[in-house]
Protein backbone atom coordinates (compact mmCIF):
# COMPACT_ATOMS: atom_id res chain seq x y z
CA MET A 1 30.26 289.04 92.76
CA GLN A 2 33.12 289.81 90.67
CA CYS A 3 34.47 293.07 88.96
CA TYR A 4 33.18 293.25 85.31
CA GLN A 5 36.60 294.40 84.22
CA HIS A 6 38.76 292.17 86.39
CA PRO A 7 37.34 288.58 86.54
CA GLY A 8 38.54 286.87 89.82
CA TRP A 9 38.54 290.33 91.78
CA ASP A 10 35.71 290.69 94.36
CA ALA A 11 33.42 293.63 93.61
CA MET A 12 33.11 296.00 96.39
CA THR A 13 29.98 298.19 94.96
CA ARG A 14 28.06 298.77 91.69
CA CYS A 15 28.15 301.47 89.29
CA THR A 16 25.20 303.99 90.24
CA SER A 17 24.63 304.42 86.46
CA CYS A 18 24.78 301.14 84.60
CA LYS A 19 24.73 298.80 87.69
CA GLU A 20 28.02 296.80 86.67
CA PRO A 21 29.98 295.30 89.67
CA LEU A 22 33.10 297.34 90.59
CA CYS A 23 36.33 296.56 92.42
CA TYR A 24 38.14 298.98 94.40
CA GLN A 25 40.46 299.83 91.45
CA CYS A 26 37.62 300.50 88.98
CA ALA A 27 35.14 302.50 91.19
CA VAL A 28 35.28 306.14 90.73
CA ARG A 29 33.74 307.92 93.66
CA ARG A 30 31.50 311.01 92.70
CA ASP A 31 29.51 313.12 95.14
CA GLY A 32 28.76 310.35 97.47
CA TYR A 33 28.22 307.56 94.84
CA PHE A 34 30.29 305.27 92.71
CA LEU A 35 30.51 305.16 88.89
CA CYS A 36 32.41 302.87 86.43
CA SER A 37 35.04 304.70 84.18
CA TRP A 38 32.63 304.77 81.18
CA CYS A 39 29.82 306.39 83.10
CA PHE A 40 32.07 308.82 84.81
CA ALA A 41 33.37 309.79 81.44
CA LEU A 42 29.92 310.23 80.04
CA GLU A 43 29.07 312.40 83.23
CA LYS A 44 32.06 314.62 82.72
CA ILE A 45 31.26 315.01 78.96
CA SER A 46 27.64 315.72 79.43
CA HIS A 47 28.57 318.42 82.10
CA GLY A 48 31.65 319.67 80.11
CA ALA A 49 32.30 323.20 79.09
CA GLU A 50 32.05 322.23 75.29
CA GLY A 51 29.08 323.05 72.98
CA ASN A 52 26.15 320.69 73.28
CA HIS A 53 26.63 319.40 69.89
CA ILE A 54 30.02 318.23 70.65
CA ASN A 55 28.95 316.66 73.69
CA LYS A 56 26.15 314.88 72.05
CA GLU A 57 28.40 313.41 69.48
CA ARG A 58 30.95 312.17 71.92
CA LYS A 59 28.32 310.88 74.21
CA GLU A 60 26.78 308.92 71.35
CA ASP A 61 30.34 307.43 70.40
CA MET A 62 30.88 306.46 74.05
CA LEU A 63 27.44 304.75 74.11
CA GLU A 64 28.08 302.84 71.12
CA GLY A 65 31.43 301.59 72.42
CA ARG A 66 29.84 300.84 75.75
CA GLN A 67 27.17 298.68 73.83
CA ASN A 68 29.92 296.84 71.96
CA ILE A 69 31.52 295.73 75.41
CA PHE A 70 28.00 294.50 76.43
CA LYS A 71 27.67 292.57 73.29
CA ARG A 72 31.21 291.05 73.73
CA LYS A 73 30.37 290.25 77.25
CA LEU A 74 27.11 288.55 76.42
CA LEU A 75 28.80 286.50 73.51
CA ARG A 76 31.43 285.31 76.00
CA MET A 77 28.91 284.18 78.45
CA LEU A 78 26.82 282.24 75.74
CA GLN A 79 29.87 280.57 74.53
CA VAL A 80 30.47 278.95 77.98
């Protein structure tokens, strides 16, 4: 299994949230589990000190960006 951000690097774990394979450099340890940088950022935003309306907007923007990454990865896989 290879890291989803670093092709050719062995993954050491998977993101607890999105299940993407992660190498040691990408894995963010959080309270006994691992997250990718996107899911870690989403968690920080959703638990941040800002108002809920700001968090919701930022979270939606980040989720949209995450979906675009998945679409690009899927298109790359289909081209092979």
